[in-house]
Structures are given as structure tokens and as C-alpha cells.
């Protein structure tokens, strides 16, 4: 079981960056116009142009928190980092979940207004799966 958790965690080091470039959603103004794909990276690029503070916050939630947690967990799995760091890694996992909540809230708000059309894409499921897998790996790892 230990080797499975290590392999799963190390695979997240590849899957997280893939999920950042994968399309999270397709959005467009009014139902008749083409939909443009939005990924974590393209969304961050647009945010950096409009609101630097929000872009910094989302960058921490979407990129730094989950990746630092994954690296920290890998270091713990290889016994290169003290298990006393586990609570801090758990907090990083919660920060990553906040990003998924913000994306879901955005989709609900835009659909509720009715002026725009939003469709979820496979990248949203990949990103959510990566965050949930990271959470499960850390929970299973601490039980051992």
C-alpha cells in the first residue's frame, strides 16, 4: 500500500501541471456566439491584467498550494521531511479545495445571470480529481 501511495503522489507531480493547462470550462456571451476555452493558466493570465491581488490569491490556491502539498507529501513519504509538517500540508490541501469552490461559484453565478453560456470541460474534472486524490493520499498516508 505504501508504494501505491508513493506512486499515486508522484503521478500528481505530472497531473497537476497538465490540469492547469487543460480546459476547465467553455464560456461565451449569449447562446449564439462561439465558446472560448478557459484553463487555470489562461484565467490567471486574464486576471493578472485586471486584478493583481486576486490573481495572486488564485495563483496561490490553484498552483502553489496543491503543488507544494504534493512535494511536501513526497518528501514525507521518502522520510526526508518530518511527519510534524503533516498539519501544514493538510492546510495547503484545503487551500487547493478553495479554488475549486471559486470555479464552481463562478459557473453558478454566470449561469444564473443568463447572459452568458458556460459549459464545464474535462480539465475541471482532472483538476478536481487531482486535488481530491492528493487529499485522499495524505489521509491514507497519515493513517499508516
Protein backbone atom coordinates (compact mmCIF):
# COMPACT_ATOMS: atom_id res chain seq x y z
CA UNK A 1 0.00 0.00 0.00
CA UNK A 2 2.88 2.37 0.80
CA UNK A 3 4.33 2.04 -2.70
CA UNK A 4 0.93 2.64 -4.27
CA UNK A 5 0.55 5.89 -2.29
CA UNK A 6 4.05 6.99 -3.28
CA UNK A 7 3.38 6.24 -6.97
CA UNK A 8 0.00 8.00 -6.85
CA UNK A 9 1.51 11.05 -5.19
CA UNK A 10 4.40 11.23 -7.66
CA UNK A 11 1.93 10.97 -10.56
CA UNK A 12 0.30 14.14 -9.23
CA UNK A 13 3.55 15.98 -9.94
CA UNK A 14 2.75 15.42 -13.63
CA UNK A 15 -1.05 15.56 -13.48
CA UNK A 16 -1.30 18.91 -11.67
CA UNK A 17 0.60 20.86 -14.37
CA UNK A 18 -1.45 19.08 -17.03
CA UNK A 19 -4.66 20.12 -15.27
CA UNK A 20 -3.52 23.77 -15.19
CA UNK A 21 -3.39 23.88 -19.00
CA UNK A 22 -6.46 21.69 -19.62
CA UNK A 23 -9.75 23.46 -20.40
CA UNK A 24 -11.78 23.96 -17.20
CA UNK A 25 -14.78 25.39 -18.98
CA UNK A 26 -16.03 26.87 -22.20
CA UNK A 27 -17.64 30.27 -21.86
CA UNK A 28 -19.24 32.70 -24.25
CA UNK A 29 -21.52 35.69 -24.32
CA UNK A 30 -25.09 34.81 -25.21
CA UNK A 31 -26.04 31.40 -26.58
CA UNK A 32 -25.25 32.15 -30.25
CA UNK A 33 -21.55 33.05 -30.02
CA UNK A 34 -18.64 30.64 -30.05
CA UNK A 35 -17.38 29.49 -26.71
CA UNK A 36 -13.79 30.15 -25.70
CA UNK A 37 -11.94 27.64 -23.56
CA UNK A 38 -10.69 28.77 -20.18
CA UNK A 39 -7.92 26.96 -18.33
CA UNK A 40 -6.31 27.77 -15.00
CA UNK A 41 -3.37 29.36 -16.81
CA UNK A 42 -5.46 31.37 -19.29
CA UNK A 43 -7.70 32.51 -16.45
CA UNK A 44 -4.67 33.59 -14.44
CA UNK A 45 -3.29 35.49 -17.44
CA UNK A 46 -6.54 37.42 -17.75
CA UNK A 47 -6.63 38.07 -14.00
CA UNK A 48 -3.07 39.44 -13.93
CA UNK A 49 -4.14 42.08 -16.46
CA UNK A 50 -7.24 43.13 -14.49
CA UNK A 51 -6.69 42.50 -10.77
CA UNK A 52 -3.21 41.65 -9.48
CA UNK A 53 -4.32 40.96 -5.89
CA UNK A 54 -6.98 38.45 -6.97
CA UNK A 55 -4.57 36.90 -9.46
CA UNK A 56 -2.01 36.40 -6.71
CA UNK A 57 -4.63 34.80 -4.46
CA UNK A 58 -5.85 32.43 -7.18
CA UNK A 59 -2.24 31.59 -8.11
CA UNK A 60 -1.62 30.53 -4.52
CA UNK A 61 -4.85 28.47 -4.41
CA UNK A 62 -4.58 26.87 -7.84
CA UNK A 63 -0.86 26.34 -8.34
CA UNK A 64 1.33 26.80 -5.28
CA UNK A 65 -0.86 25.19 -2.59
CA UNK A 66 -1.55 21.86 -4.32
CA UNK A 67 1.95 21.53 -5.76
CA UNK A 68 3.73 22.38 -2.52
CA UNK A 69 1.49 19.91 -0.71
CA UNK A 70 2.35 17.19 -3.22
CA UNK A 71 6.08 17.90 -2.95
CA UNK A 72 5.88 18.01 0.85
CA UNK A 73 3.98 14.74 0.94
CA UNK A 74 6.56 13.12 -1.35
CA UNK A 75 9.35 14.31 0.93
CA UNK A 76 7.49 12.84 3.92
CA UNK A 77 6.95 9.55 2.05
CA UNK A 78 10.68 9.28 1.38
CA UNK A 79 11.38 10.24 5.02
CA UNK A 80 13.17 13.45 4.03
CA UNK A 81 10.70 15.66 5.90
CA UNK A 82 9.42 15.33 9.44
CA UNK A 83 5.86 14.00 9.93
CA UNK A 84 5.27 17.03 12.16
CA UNK A 85 4.75 19.01 8.95
CA UNK A 86 1.60 16.99 8.11
CA UNK A 87 -0.86 19.55 9.60
CA UNK A 88 0.65 22.30 7.44
CA UNK A 89 0.31 20.09 4.35
CA UNK A 90 -3.31 19.43 5.27
CA UNK A 91 -3.94 23.19 5.33
CA UNK A 92 -2.36 23.50 1.87
CA UNK A 93 -4.81 20.85 0.65
CA UNK A 94 -7.73 22.86 1.99
CA UNK A 95 -6.48 25.96 0.17
CA UNK A 96 -6.48 23.98 -3.09
CA UNK A 97 -10.10 22.99 -2.47
CA UNK A 98 -10.98 26.69 -2.14
CA UNK A 99 -10.01 27.20 -5.78
CA UNK A 100 -12.43 24.50 -6.93
CA UNK A 101 -15.14 26.17 -4.86
CA UNK A 102 -14.43 29.52 -6.55
CA UNK A 103 -14.67 27.95 -10.01
CA UNK A 104 -17.96 26.25 -9.15
CA UNK A 105 -19.32 29.50 -7.72
CA UNK A 106 -18.34 31.34 -10.91
CA UNK A 107 -20.14 28.78 -13.07
CA UNK A 108 -23.30 29.01 -10.94
CA UNK A 109 -23.29 32.82 -11.00
CA UNK A 110 -22.77 33.07 -14.74
CA UNK A 111 -25.48 30.50 -15.49
CA UNK A 112 -27.86 32.29 -13.13
CA UNK A 113 -27.46 35.62 -14.91
CA UNK A 114 -28.47 34.08 -18.22
CA UNK A 115 -26.44 36.41 -20.45
CA UNK A 116 -23.58 34.00 -20.88
CA UNK A 117 -23.21 30.34 -21.57
CA UNK A 118 -20.79 28.20 -19.58
CA UNK A 119 -20.04 24.52 -20.09
CA UNK A 120 -17.70 22.55 -17.88
CA UNK A 121 -14.81 20.81 -19.63
CA UNK A 122 -12.66 17.79 -18.84
CA UNK A 123 -9.93 19.88 -17.20
CA UNK A 124 -12.24 20.82 -14.34
CA UNK A 125 -12.72 17.15 -13.55
CA UNK A 126 -8.99 16.48 -13.89
CA UNK A 127 -8.09 19.37 -11.57
CA UNK A 128 -10.77 18.36 -9.05
CA UNK A 129 -9.62 14.74 -9.23
CA UNK A 130 -6.02 15.75 -8.60
CA UNK A 131 -6.96 17.80 -5.54
CA UNK A 132 -9.20 15.02 -4.17
CA UNK A 133 -6.54 12.38 -4.88
CA UNK A 134 -3.97 14.48 -3.06
CA UNK A 135 -6.35 14.78 -0.11
CA UNK A 136 -7.00 11.02 -0.09
CA UNK A 137 -3.29 10.21 -0.33
CA UNK A 138 -2.49 12.43 2.62
CA UNK A 139 -5.33 10.97 4.70
CA UNK A 140 -4.34 7.39 3.91
CA UNK A 141 -0.68 8.22 4.48
CA UNK A 142 -1.28 9.68 7.92
CA UNK A 143 -3.35 6.66 8.98
CA UNK A 144 -0.33 4.47 8.33
